[in-house]
Amino acid sequence: KHGPLALISPEIPTVAVVPDDELWEKNMGSLAEIRARRGPLVVV
């Protein structure tokens, strides 16, 4: 949200590395921001 989100689009995929740790919900929030801008997601 501090700059790179401007480049998220259907043409630019994002690979999200999401450990099952205390930051899971925070990471899900970031993925939601990407989906809202129709960014393709690959989640590891």
PDB file of all heavy atoms in Angstrom:
ATOM      1  N   LYS A   1       0.806  -1.221   0.000  1.00  0.00           N
ATOM      2  CA  LYS A   1       0.000   0.000   0.000  1.00  0.00           C
ATOM      3  C   LYS A   1       0.841   1.274   0.000  1.00  0.00           C
ATOM      4  O   LYS A   1       0.311   2.374  -0.153  1.00  0.00           O
ATOM      5  CB  LYS A   1      -0.953  -0.009   1.193  1.00  0.00           C
ATOM      6  CG  LYS A   1      -0.265  -0.016   2.541  1.00  0.00           C
ATOM      7  CD  LYS A   1      -1.275  -0.016   3.685  1.00  0.00           C
ATOM      8  CE  LYS A   1      -1.946  -1.343   3.832  1.00  0.00           C
ATOM      9  NZ  LYS A   1      -1.041  -2.409   4.334  1.00  0.00           N
ATOM     10  N   HIS A   2       2.156   1.119   0.141  1.00  0.00           N
ATOM     11  CA  HIS A   2       3.047   2.279   0.154  1.00  0.00           C
ATOM     12  C   HIS A   2       3.708   2.498  -1.204  1.00  0.00           C
ATOM     13  O   HIS A   2       4.804   3.062  -1.276  1.00  0.00           O
ATOM     14  CB  HIS A   2       4.108   2.119   1.244  1.00  0.00           C
ATOM     15  CG  HIS A   2       3.532   2.088   2.629  1.00  0.00           C
ATOM     16  ND1 HIS A   2       3.007   3.208   3.241  1.00  0.00           N
ATOM     17  CD2 HIS A   2       3.368   1.061   3.505  1.00  0.00           C
ATOM     18  CE1 HIS A   2       2.559   2.883   4.433  1.00  0.00           C
ATOM     19  NE2 HIS A   2       2.760   1.585   4.627  1.00  0.00           N
ATOM     20  N   GLY A   3       3.065   2.066  -2.247  1.00  0.00           N
ATOM     21  CA  GLY A   3       3.585   2.317  -3.589  1.00  0.00           C
ATOM     22  C   GLY A   3       3.344   1.210  -4.594  1.00  0.00           C
ATOM     23  O   GLY A   3       2.719   1.424  -5.629  1.00  0.00           O
ATOM     24  N   PRO A   4       3.827  -0.001  -4.343  1.00  0.00           N
ATOM     25  CA  PRO A   4       3.723  -1.066  -5.349  1.00  0.00           C
ATOM     26  C   PRO A   4       2.293  -1.441  -5.737  1.00  0.00           C
ATOM     27  O   PRO A   4       2.079  -1.954  -6.828  1.00  0.00           O
ATOM     28  CB  PRO A   4       4.430  -2.251  -4.658  1.00  0.00           C
ATOM     29  CG  PRO A   4       5.372  -1.626  -3.695  1.00  0.00           C
ATOM     30  CD  PRO A   4       4.668  -0.402  -3.198  1.00  0.00           C
ATOM     31  N   LEU A   5       1.325  -1.190  -4.850  1.00  0.00           N
ATOM     32  CA  LEU A   5      -0.057  -1.547  -5.172  1.00  0.00           C
ATOM     33  C   LEU A   5      -0.539  -0.855  -6.443  1.00  0.00           C
ATOM     34  O   LEU A   5      -1.454  -1.336  -7.114  1.00  0.00           O
ATOM     35  CB  LEU A   5      -0.967  -1.184  -3.989  1.00  0.00           C
ATOM     36  CG  LEU A   5      -2.300  -1.932  -3.882  1.00  0.00           C
ATOM     37  CD1 LEU A   5      -2.075  -3.430  -3.766  1.00  0.00           C
ATOM     38  CD2 LEU A   5      -3.085  -1.426  -2.679  1.00  0.00           C
ATOM     39  N   ALA A   6       0.083   0.262  -6.807  1.00  0.00           N
ATOM     40  CA  ALA A   6      -0.285   0.971  -8.030  1.00  0.00           C
ATOM     41  C   ALA A   6      -0.042   0.126  -9.273  1.00  0.00           C
ATOM     42  O   ALA A   6      -0.644   0.372 -10.329  1.00  0.00           O
ATOM     43  CB  ALA A   6       0.508   2.279  -8.128  1.00  0.00           C
ATOM     44  N   LEU A   7       0.835  -0.860  -9.179  1.00  0.00           N
ATOM     45  CA  LEU A   7       1.174  -1.692 -10.326  1.00  0.00           C
ATOM     46  C   LEU A   7       0.369  -2.978 -10.404  1.00  0.00           C
ATOM     47  O   LEU A   7       0.468  -3.708 -11.399  1.00  0.00           O
ATOM     48  CB  LEU A   7       2.670  -2.044 -10.294  1.00  0.00           C
ATOM     49  CG  LEU A   7       3.629  -0.866 -10.433  1.00  0.00           C
ATOM     50  CD1 LEU A   7       5.070  -1.338 -10.274  1.00  0.00           C
ATOM     51  CD2 LEU A   7       3.441  -0.169 -11.772  1.00  0.00           C
ATOM     52  N   ILE A   8      -0.409  -3.284  -9.379  1.00  0.00           N
ATOM     53  CA  ILE A   8      -1.203  -4.513  -9.398  1.00  0.00           C
ATOM     54  C   ILE A   8      -2.271  -4.406 -10.480  1.00  0.00           C
ATOM     55  O   ILE A   8      -2.998  -3.420 -10.570  1.00  0.00           O
ATOM     56  CB  ILE A   8      -1.853  -4.757  -8.026  1.00  0.00           C
ATOM     57  CG1 ILE A   8      -0.781  -4.999  -6.966  1.00  0.00           C
ATOM     58  CG2 ILE A   8      -2.827  -5.933  -8.097  1.00  0.00           C
ATOM     59  CD1 ILE A   8       0.036  -6.250  -7.190  1.00  0.00           C
ATOM     60  N   SER A   9      -2.345  -5.441 -11.310  1.00  0.00           N
ATOM     61  CA  SER A   9      -3.319  -5.472 -12.405  1.00  0.00           C
ATOM     62  C   SER A   9      -3.532  -6.927 -12.816  1.00  0.00           C
ATOM     63  O   SER A   9      -2.796  -7.819 -12.381  1.00  0.00           O
ATOM     64  CB  SER A   9      -2.802  -4.657 -13.595  1.00  0.00           C
ATOM     65  OG  SER A   9      -1.762  -5.367 -14.250  1.00  0.00           O
ATOM     66  N   PRO A  10      -4.514  -7.191 -13.684  1.00  0.00           N
ATOM     67  CA  PRO A  10      -4.725  -8.570 -14.145  1.00  0.00           C
ATOM     68  C   PRO A  10      -3.534  -9.139 -14.906  1.00  0.00           C
ATOM     69  O   PRO A  10      -3.427 -10.360 -15.068  1.00  0.00           O
ATOM     70  CB  PRO A  10      -5.953  -8.445 -15.066  1.00  0.00           C
ATOM     71  CG  PRO A  10      -6.671  -7.229 -14.589  1.00  0.00           C
ATOM     72  CD  PRO A  10      -5.595  -6.289 -14.147  1.00  0.00           C
ATOM     73  N   GLU A  11      -2.634  -8.274 -15.377  1.00  0.00           N
ATOM     74  CA  GLU A  11      -1.483  -8.737 -16.158  1.00  0.00           C
ATOM     75  C   GLU A  11      -0.266  -9.065 -15.295  1.00  0.00           C
ATOM     76  O   GLU A  11       0.721  -9.617 -15.789  1.00  0.00           O
ATOM     77  CB  GLU A  11      -1.084  -7.670 -17.188  1.00  0.00           C
ATOM     78  CG  GLU A  11      -2.066  -7.512 -18.335  1.00  0.00           C
ATOM     79  CD  GLU A  11      -3.333  -6.782 -17.906  1.00  0.00           C
ATOM     80  OE1 GLU A  11      -3.220  -5.821 -17.098  1.00  0.00           O
ATOM     81  OE2 GLU A  11      -4.427  -7.199 -18.352  1.00  0.00           O
ATOM     82  N   ILE A  12      -0.294  -8.701 -14.007  1.00  0.00           N
ATOM     83  CA  ILE A  12       0.876  -8.898 -13.148  1.00  0.00           C
ATOM     84  C   ILE A  12       0.509  -9.837 -12.002  1.00  0.00           C
ATOM     85  O   ILE A  12      -0.199  -9.439 -11.065  1.00  0.00           O
ATOM     86  CB  ILE A  12       1.396  -7.560 -12.593  1.00  0.00           C
ATOM     87  CG1 ILE A  12       1.841  -6.650 -13.742  1.00  0.00           C
ATOM     88  CG2 ILE A  12       2.555  -7.789 -11.623  1.00  0.00           C
ATOM     89  CD1 ILE A  12       2.417  -5.332 -13.317  1.00  0.00           C
ATOM     90  N   PRO A  13       0.974 -11.072 -12.049  1.00  0.00           N
ATOM     91  CA  PRO A  13       0.674 -12.015 -10.959  1.00  0.00           C
ATOM     92  C   PRO A  13       1.502 -11.710  -9.716  1.00  0.00           C
ATOM     93  O   PRO A  13       2.587 -11.137  -9.793  1.00  0.00           O
ATOM     94  CB  PRO A  13       1.061 -13.374 -11.557  1.00  0.00           C
ATOM     95  CG  PRO A  13       2.098 -13.052 -12.584  1.00  0.00           C
ATOM     96  CD  PRO A  13       1.749 -11.701 -13.128  1.00  0.00           C
ATOM     97  N   THR A  14       0.982 -12.117  -8.591  1.00  0.00           N
ATOM     98  CA  THR A  14       1.686 -11.997  -7.316  1.00  0.00           C
ATOM     99  C   THR A  14       1.837 -13.379  -6.702  1.00  0.00           C
ATOM    100  O   THR A  14       0.873 -14.132  -6.604  1.00  0.00           O
ATOM    101  CB  THR A  14       0.923 -11.092  -6.336  1.00  0.00           C
ATOM    102  OG1 THR A  14       0.818  -9.776  -6.880  1.00  0.00           O
ATOM    103  CG2 THR A  14       1.637 -11.028  -4.989  1.00  0.00           C
ATOM    104  N   VAL A  15       3.055 -13.686  -6.315  1.00  0.00           N
ATOM    105  CA  VAL A  15       3.335 -14.927  -5.592  1.00  0.00           C
ATOM    106  C   VAL A  15       3.438 -14.558  -4.114  1.00  0.00           C
ATOM    107  O   VAL A  15       4.327 -13.800  -3.725  1.00  0.00           O
ATOM    108  CB  VAL A  15       4.632 -15.591  -6.085  1.00  0.00           C
ATOM    109  CG1 VAL A  15       4.912 -16.878  -5.298  1.00  0.00           C
ATOM    110  CG2 VAL A  15       4.557 -15.883  -7.580  1.00  0.00           C
ATOM    111  N   ALA A  16       2.532 -15.075  -3.328  1.00  0.00           N
ATOM    112  CA  ALA A  16       2.470 -14.740  -1.908  1.00  0.00           C
ATOM    113  C   ALA A  16       2.989 -15.908  -1.084  1.00  0.00           C
ATOM    114  O   ALA A  16       2.498 -17.034  -1.226  1.00  0.00           O
ATOM    115  CB  ALA A  16       1.046 -14.394  -1.501  1.00  0.00           C
ATOM    116  N   VAL A  17       3.973 -15.652  -0.237  1.00  0.00           N
ATOM    117  CA  VAL A  17       4.537 -16.675   0.644  1.00  0.00           C
ATOM    118  C   VAL A  17       3.911 -16.479   2.024  1.00  0.00           C
ATOM    119  O   VAL A  17       4.159 -15.470   2.697  1.00  0.00           O
ATOM    120  CB  VAL A  17       6.067 -16.560   0.713  1.00  0.00           C
ATOM    121  CG1 VAL A  17       6.640 -17.694   1.548  1.00  0.00           C
ATOM    122  CG2 VAL A  17       6.665 -16.583  -0.696  1.00  0.00           C
ATOM    123  N   VAL A  18       3.082 -17.453   2.438  1.00  0.00           N
ATOM    124  CA  VAL A  18       2.235 -17.267   3.615  1.00  0.00           C
ATOM    125  C   VAL A  18       2.436 -18.424   4.603  1.00  0.00           C
ATOM    126  O   VAL A  18       1.762 -19.458   4.499  1.00  0.00           O
ATOM    127  CB  VAL A  18       0.749 -17.164   3.216  1.00  0.00           C
ATOM    128  CG1 VAL A  18      -0.090 -16.783   4.437  1.00  0.00           C
ATOM    129  CG2 VAL A  18       0.555 -16.141   2.100  1.00  0.00           C
ATOM    130  N   PRO A  19       3.355 -18.295   5.533  1.00  0.00           N
ATOM    131  CA  PRO A  19       3.473 -19.329   6.571  1.00  0.00           C
ATOM    132  C   PRO A  19       2.231 -19.347   7.465  1.00  0.00           C
ATOM    133  O   PRO A  19       1.549 -18.334   7.622  1.00  0.00           O
ATOM    134  CB  PRO A  19       4.711 -18.893   7.369  1.00  0.00           C
ATOM    135  CG  PRO A  19       5.387 -17.851   6.530  1.00  0.00           C
ATOM    136  CD  PRO A  19       4.331 -17.221   5.698  1.00  0.00           C
ATOM    137  N   ASP A  20       1.962 -20.500   8.045  1.00  0.00           N
ATOM    138  CA  ASP A  20       0.824 -20.620   8.962  1.00  0.00           C
ATOM    139  C   ASP A  20       1.288 -20.190  10.352  1.00  0.00           C
ATOM    140  O   ASP A  20       1.525 -20.999  11.235  1.00  0.00           O
ATOM    141  CB  ASP A  20       0.325 -22.069   8.972  1.00  0.00           C
ATOM    142  CG  ASP A  20      -1.025 -22.186   9.672  1.00  0.00           C
ATOM    143  OD1 ASP A  20      -1.554 -21.149  10.131  1.00  0.00           O
ATOM    144  OD2 ASP A  20      -1.551 -23.310   9.764  1.00  0.00           O
ATOM    145  N   ASP A  21       1.423 -18.879  10.518  1.00  0.00           N
ATOM    146  CA  ASP A  21       1.928 -18.346  11.785  1.00  0.00           C
ATOM    147  C   ASP A  21       1.013 -17.250  12.306  1.00  0.00           C
ATOM    148  O   ASP A  21      -0.122 -17.097  11.844  1.00  0.00           O
ATOM    149  CB  ASP A  21       3.362 -17.838  11.615  1.00  0.00           C
ATOM    150  CG  ASP A  21       3.486 -16.740  10.547  1.00  0.00           C
ATOM    151  OD1 ASP A  21       2.450 -16.167  10.149  1.00  0.00           O
ATOM    152  OD2 ASP A  21       4.620 -16.466  10.122  1.00  0.00           O
ATOM    153  N   GLU A  22       1.501 -16.497  13.261  1.00  0.00           N
ATOM    154  CA  GLU A  22       0.688 -15.465  13.912  1.00  0.00           C
ATOM    155  C   GLU A  22       0.294 -14.330  12.974  1.00  0.00           C
ATOM    156  O   GLU A  22      -0.554 -13.501  13.313  1.00  0.00           O
ATOM    157  CB  GLU A  22       1.440 -14.906  15.130  1.00  0.00           C
ATOM    158  CG  GLU A  22       2.673 -14.062  14.827  1.00  0.00           C
ATOM    159  CD  GLU A  22       3.921 -14.874  14.526  1.00  0.00           C
ATOM    160  OE1 GLU A  22       3.821 -16.117  14.440  1.00  0.00           O
ATOM    161  OE2 GLU A  22       4.997 -14.269  14.365  1.00  0.00           O
ATOM    162  N   LEU A  23       0.897 -14.275  11.781  1.00  0.00           N
ATOM    163  CA  LEU A  23       0.595 -13.206  10.832  1.00  0.00           C
ATOM    164  C   LEU A  23      -0.345 -13.661   9.718  1.00  0.00           C
ATOM    165  O   LEU A  23      -0.498 -12.966   8.718  1.00  0.00           O
ATOM    166  CB  LEU A  23       1.910 -12.684  10.229  1.00  0.00           C
ATOM    167  CG  LEU A  23       2.873 -12.034  11.222  1.00  0.00           C
ATOM    168  CD1 LEU A  23       4.195 -11.705  10.549  1.00  0.00           C
ATOM    169  CD2 LEU A  23       2.262 -10.787  11.827  1.00  0.00           C
ATOM    170  N   TRP A  24      -0.977 -14.818   9.899  1.00  0.00           N
ATOM    171  CA  TRP A  24      -1.844 -15.357   8.837  1.00  0.00           C
ATOM    172  C   TRP A  24      -2.942 -14.365   8.449  1.00  0.00           C
ATOM    173  O   TRP A  24      -3.148 -14.085   7.267  1.00  0.00           O
ATOM    174  CB  TRP A  24      -2.470 -16.675   9.295  1.00  0.00           C
ATOM    175  CG  TRP A  24      -3.457 -17.245   8.311  1.00  0.00           C
ATOM    176  CD1 TRP A  24      -4.804 -17.019   8.255  1.00  0.00           C
ATOM    177  CD2 TRP A  24      -3.159 -18.110   7.210  1.00  0.00           C
ATOM    178  NE1 TRP A  24      -5.374 -17.689   7.207  1.00  0.00           N
ATOM    179  CE2 TRP A  24      -4.381 -18.367   6.539  1.00  0.00           C
ATOM    180  CE3 TRP A  24      -1.997 -18.679   6.722  1.00  0.00           C
ATOM    181  CZ2 TRP A  24      -4.463 -19.186   5.418  1.00  0.00           C
ATOM    182  CZ3 TRP A  24      -2.074 -19.497   5.605  1.00  0.00           C
ATOM    183  CH2 TRP A  24      -3.296 -19.745   4.969  1.00  0.00           C
ATOM    184  N   GLU A  25      -3.661 -13.839   9.409  1.00  0.00           N
ATOM    185  CA  GLU A  25      -4.776 -12.926   9.103  1.00  0.00           C
ATOM    186  C   GLU A  25      -4.268 -11.649   8.445  1.00  0.00           C
ATOM    187  O   GLU A  25      -4.920 -11.112   7.540  1.00  0.00           O
ATOM    188  CB  GLU A  25      -5.565 -12.604  10.378  1.00  0.00           C
ATOM    189  CG  GLU A  25      -6.236 -13.810  11.028  1.00  0.00           C
ATOM    190  CD  GLU A  25      -7.215 -14.515  10.087  1.00  0.00           C
ATOM    191  OE1 GLU A  25      -7.741 -13.856   9.172  1.00  0.00           O
ATOM    192  OE2 GLU A  25      -7.422 -15.726  10.277  1.00  0.00           O
ATOM    193  N   LYS A  26      -3.125 -11.163   8.882  1.00  0.00           N
ATOM    194  CA  LYS A  26      -2.553  -9.983   8.234  1.00  0.00           C
ATOM    195  C   LYS A  26      -2.252 -10.275   6.764  1.00  0.00           C
ATOM    196  O   LYS A  26      -2.509  -9.449   5.878  1.00  0.00           O
ATOM    197  CB  LYS A  26      -1.257  -9.570   8.945  1.00  0.00           C
ATOM    198  CG  LYS A  26      -1.429  -9.134  10.383  1.00  0.00           C
ATOM    199  CD  LYS A  26      -2.054  -7.767  10.487  1.00  0.00           C
ATOM    200  CE  LYS A  26      -2.062  -7.294  11.930  1.00  0.00           C
ATOM    201  NZ  LYS A  26      -2.752  -5.970  12.058  1.00  0.00           N
ATOM    202  N   ASN A  27      -1.716 -11.451   6.506  1.00  0.00           N
ATOM    203  CA  ASN A  27      -1.402 -11.820   5.130  1.00  0.00           C
ATOM    204  C   ASN A  27      -2.670 -11.969   4.294  1.00  0.00           C
ATOM    205  O   ASN A  27      -2.696 -11.603   3.110  1.00  0.00           O
ATOM    206  CB  ASN A  27      -0.610 -13.131   5.098  1.00  0.00           C
ATOM    207  CG  ASN A  27       0.867 -12.921   5.374  1.00  0.00           C
ATOM    208  OD1 ASN A  27       1.486 -12.030   4.819  1.00  0.00           O
ATOM    209  ND2 ASN A  27       1.431 -13.737   6.252  1.00  0.00           N
ATOM    210  N   MET A  28      -3.730 -12.512   4.884  1.00  0.00           N
ATOM    211  CA  MET A  28      -4.990 -12.637   4.151  1.00  0.00           C
ATOM    212  C   MET A  28      -5.527 -11.254   3.767  1.00  0.00           C
ATOM    213  O   MET A  28      -6.131 -11.082   2.694  1.00  0.00           O
ATOM    214  CB  MET A  28      -6.027 -13.394   4.999  1.00  0.00           C
ATOM    215  CG  MET A  28      -5.723 -14.875   5.173  1.00  0.00           C
ATOM    216  SD  MET A  28      -5.590 -15.812   3.621  1.00  0.00           S
ATOM    217  CE  MET A  28      -3.808 -15.989   3.506  1.00  0.00           C
ATOM    218  N   GLY A  29      -5.284 -10.279   4.626  1.00  0.00           N
ATOM    219  CA  GLY A  29      -5.700  -8.910   4.288  1.00  0.00           C
ATOM    220  C   GLY A  29      -4.953  -8.388   3.073  1.00  0.00           C
ATOM    221  O   GLY A  29      -5.543  -7.723   2.200  1.00  0.00           O
ATOM    222  N   SER A  30      -3.666  -8.684   2.976  1.00  0.00           N
ATOM    223  CA  SER A  30      -2.881  -8.250   1.817  1.00  0.00           C
ATOM    224  C   SER A  30      -3.372  -8.940   0.536  1.00  0.00           C
ATOM    225  O   SER A  30      -3.449  -8.309  -0.526  1.00  0.00           O
ATOM    226  CB  SER A  30      -1.405  -8.563   2.040  1.00  0.00           C
ATOM    227  OG  SER A  30      -0.899  -7.834   3.132  1.00  0.00           O
ATOM    228  N   LEU A  31      -3.710 -10.234   0.651  1.00  0.00           N
ATOM    229  CA  LEU A  31      -4.218 -10.938  -0.532  1.00  0.00           C
ATOM    230  C   LEU A  31      -5.549 -10.346  -0.983  1.00  0.00           C
ATOM    231  O   LEU A  31      -5.816 -10.260  -2.191  1.00  0.00           O
ATOM    232  CB  LEU A  31      -4.391 -12.434  -0.230  1.00  0.00           C
ATOM    233  CG  LEU A  31      -3.149 -13.210   0.213  1.00  0.00           C
ATOM    234  CD1 LEU A  31      -3.415 -14.719   0.140  1.00  0.00           C
ATOM    235  CD2 LEU A  31      -1.938 -12.858  -0.622  1.00  0.00           C
ATOM    236  N   ALA A  32      -6.376  -9.929  -0.013  1.00  0.00           N
ATOM    237  CA  ALA A  32      -7.655  -9.315  -0.372  1.00  0.00           C
ATOM    238  C   ALA A  32      -7.449  -8.012  -1.144  1.00  0.00           C
ATOM    239  O   ALA A  32      -8.200  -7.703  -2.088  1.00  0.00           O
ATOM    240  CB  ALA A  32      -8.476  -9.064   0.892  1.00  0.00           C
ATOM    241  N   GLU A  33      -6.444  -7.241  -0.755  1.00  0.00           N
ATOM    242  CA  GLU A  33      -6.140  -5.998  -1.474  1.00  0.00           C
ATOM    243  C   GLU A  33      -5.763  -6.292  -2.928  1.00  0.00           C
ATOM    244  O   GLU A  33      -6.106  -5.541  -3.844  1.00  0.00           O
ATOM    245  CB  GLU A  33      -4.996  -5.263  -0.778  1.00  0.00           C
ATOM    246  CG  GLU A  33      -5.344  -4.735   0.600  1.00  0.00           C
ATOM    247  CD  GLU A  33      -4.135  -4.149   1.307  1.00  0.00           C
ATOM    248  OE1 GLU A  33      -3.006  -4.282   0.777  1.00  0.00           O
ATOM    249  OE2 GLU A  33      -4.313  -3.565   2.387  1.00  0.00           O
ATOM    250  N   ILE A  34      -5.036  -7.375  -3.141  1.00  0.00           N
ATOM    251  CA  ILE A  34      -4.614  -7.737  -4.498  1.00  0.00           C
ATOM    252  C   ILE A  34      -5.821  -8.224  -5.305  1.00  0.00           C
ATOM    253  O   ILE A  34      -6.001  -7.840  -6.474  1.00  0.00           O
ATOM    254  CB  ILE A  34      -3.515  -8.812  -4.438  1.00  0.00           C
ATOM    255  CG1 ILE A  34      -2.255  -8.218  -3.804  1.00  0.00           C
ATOM    256  CG2 ILE A  34      -3.203  -9.362  -5.828  1.00  0.00           C
ATOM    257  CD1 ILE A  34      -1.215  -9.244  -3.437  1.00  0.00           C
ATOM    258  N   ARG A  35      -6.666  -9.064  -4.682  1.00  0.00           N
ATOM    259  CA  ARG A  35      -7.858  -9.555  -5.394  1.00  0.00           C
ATOM    260  C   ARG A  35      -8.770  -8.394  -5.790  1.00  0.00           C
ATOM    261  O   ARG A  35      -9.368  -8.409  -6.871  1.00  0.00           O
ATOM    262  CB  ARG A  35      -8.638 -10.516  -4.490  1.00  0.00           C
ATOM    263  CG  ARG A  35      -8.003 -11.866  -4.305  1.00  0.00           C
ATOM    264  CD  ARG A  35      -8.996 -12.837  -3.666  1.00  0.00           C
ATOM    265  NE  ARG A  35      -8.297 -13.902  -2.984  1.00  0.00           N
ATOM    266  CZ  ARG A  35      -8.046 -13.922  -1.683  1.00  0.00           C
ATOM    267  NH1 ARG A  35      -8.425 -12.898  -0.925  1.00  0.00           N
ATOM    268  NH2 ARG A  35      -7.408 -14.942  -1.148  1.00  0.00           N
ATOM    269  N   ALA A  36      -8.884  -7.407  -4.909  1.00  0.00           N
ATOM    270  CA  ALA A  36      -9.771  -6.278  -5.183  1.00  0.00           C
ATOM    271  C   ALA A  36      -9.342  -5.526  -6.442  1.00  0.00           C
ATOM    272  O   ALA A  36     -10.150  -4.832  -7.067  1.00  0.00           O
ATOM    273  CB  ALA A  36      -9.799  -5.332  -3.986  1.00  0.00           C
ATOM    274  N   ARG A  37      -8.083  -5.675  -6.814  1.00  0.00           N
ATOM    275  CA  ARG A  37      -7.564  -5.015  -8.019  1.00  0.00           C
ATOM    276  C   ARG A  37      -7.346  -6.023  -9.146  1.00  0.00           C
ATOM    277  O   ARG A  37      -6.596  -5.772 -10.076  1.00  0.00           O
ATOM    278  CB  ARG A  37      -6.276  -4.276  -7.670  1.00  0.00           C
ATOM    279  CG  ARG A  37      -6.570  -3.051  -6.787  1.00  0.00           C
ATOM    280  CD  ARG A  37      -5.432  -2.698  -5.857  1.00  0.00           C
ATOM    281  NE  ARG A  37      -5.803  -1.546  -5.018  1.00  0.00           N
ATOM    282  CZ  ARG A  37      -6.467  -1.669  -3.869  1.00  0.00           C
ATOM    283  NH1 ARG A  37      -6.833  -2.853  -3.422  1.00  0.00           N
ATOM    284  NH2 ARG A  37      -6.784  -0.577  -3.174  1.00  0.00           N
ATOM    285  N   ARG A  38      -8.000  -7.183  -9.007  1.00  0.00           N
ATOM    286  CA  ARG A  38      -8.003  -8.256 -10.021  1.00  0.00           C
ATOM    287  C   ARG A  38      -6.599  -8.770 -10.331  1.00  0.00           C
ATOM    288  O   ARG A  38      -6.300  -9.165 -11.453  1.00  0.00           O
ATOM    289  CB  ARG A  38      -8.713  -7.795 -11.295  1.00  0.00           C
ATOM    290  CG  ARG A  38     -10.198  -7.496 -11.074  1.00  0.00           C
ATOM    291  CD  ARG A  38     -10.884  -7.143 -12.366  1.00  0.00           C
ATOM    292  NE  ARG A  38     -10.314  -5.943 -12.970  1.00  0.00           N
ATOM    293  CZ  ARG A  38     -10.259  -5.723 -14.275  1.00  0.00           C
ATOM    294  NH1 ARG A  38     -10.702  -6.626 -15.128  1.00  0.00           N
ATOM    295  NH2 ARG A  38      -9.755  -4.590 -14.750  1.00  0.00           N
ATOM    296  N   GLY A  39      -5.746  -8.766  -9.318  1.00  0.00           N
ATOM    297  CA  GLY A  39      -4.410  -9.306  -9.494  1.00  0.00           C
ATOM    298  C   GLY A  39      -4.397 -10.821  -9.323  1.00  0.00           C
ATOM    299  O   GLY A  39      -4.906 -11.333  -8.324  1.00  0.00           O
ATOM    300  N   PRO A  40      -3.854 -11.572 -10.267  1.00  0.00           N
ATOM    301  CA  PRO A  40      -3.763 -13.035 -10.127  1.00  0.00           C
ATOM    302  C   PRO A  40      -2.844 -13.403  -8.962  1.00  0.00           C
ATOM    303  O   PRO A  40      -1.825 -12.746  -8.728  1.00  0.00           O
ATOM    304  CB  PRO A  40      -3.161 -13.493 -11.462  1.00  0.00           C
ATOM    305  CG  PRO A  40      -3.339 -12.329 -12.400  1.00  0.00           C
ATOM    306  CD  PRO A  40      -3.303 -11.095 -11.554  1.00  0.00           C
ATOM    307  N   LEU A  41      -3.184 -14.471  -8.257  1.00  0.00           N
ATOM    308  CA  LEU A  41      -2.450 -14.873  -7.069  1.00  0.00           C
ATOM    309  C   LEU A  41      -1.987 -16.324  -7.158  1.00  0.00           C
ATOM    310  O   LEU A  41      -2.754 -17.206  -7.556  1.00  0.00           O
ATOM    311  CB  LEU A  41      -3.321 -14.733  -5.822  1.00  0.00           C
ATOM    312  CG  LEU A  41      -3.402 -13.352  -5.168  1.00  0.00           C
ATOM    313  CD1 LEU A  41      -4.539 -13.311  -4.158  1.00  0.00           C
ATOM    314  CD2 LEU A  41      -2.068 -13.025  -4.484  1.00  0.00           C
ATOM    315  N   VAL A  42      -0.733 -16.549  -6.802  1.00  0.00           N
ATOM    316  CA  VAL A  42      -0.214 -17.887  -6.531  1.00  0.00           C
ATOM    317  C   VAL A  42       0.253 -17.865  -5.080  1.00  0.00           C
ATOM    318  O   VAL A  42       1.082 -17.036  -4.703  1.00  0.00           O
ATOM    319  CB  VAL A  42       0.953 -18.255  -7.465  1.00  0.00           C
ATOM    320  CG1 VAL A  42       1.576 -19.583  -7.036  1.00  0.00           C
ATOM    321  CG2 VAL A  42       0.484 -18.328  -8.909  1.00  0.00           C
ATOM    322  N   VAL A  43      -0.298 -18.755  -4.266  1.00  0.00           N
ATOM    323  CA  VAL A  43      -0.025 -18.746  -2.833  1.00  0.00           C
ATOM    324  C   VAL A  43       0.803 -19.974  -2.475  1.00  0.00           C
ATOM    325  O   VAL A  43       0.451 -21.103  -2.845  1.00  0.00           O
ATOM    326  CB  VAL A  43      -1.340 -18.722  -2.017  1.00  0.00           C
ATOM    327  CG1 VAL A  43      -1.026 -18.756  -0.520  1.00  0.00           C
ATOM    328  CG2 VAL A  43      -2.157 -17.492  -2.370  1.00  0.00           C
ATOM    329  N   VAL A  44       1.900 -19.738  -1.778  1.00  0.00           N
ATOM    330  CA  VAL A  44       2.753 -20.822  -1.279  1.00  0.00           C
ATOM    331  C   VAL A  44       2.624 -20.816   0.242  1.00  0.00           C
ATOM    332  O   VAL A  44       2.912 -19.809   0.899  1.00  0.00           O
ATOM    333  CB  VAL A  44       4.220 -20.620  -1.700  1.00  0.00           C
ATOM    334  CG1 VAL A  44       5.086 -21.768  -1.193  1.00  0.00           C
ATOM    335  CG2 VAL A  44       4.324 -20.510  -3.216  1.00  0.00           C
TER     336      VAL A  44
END
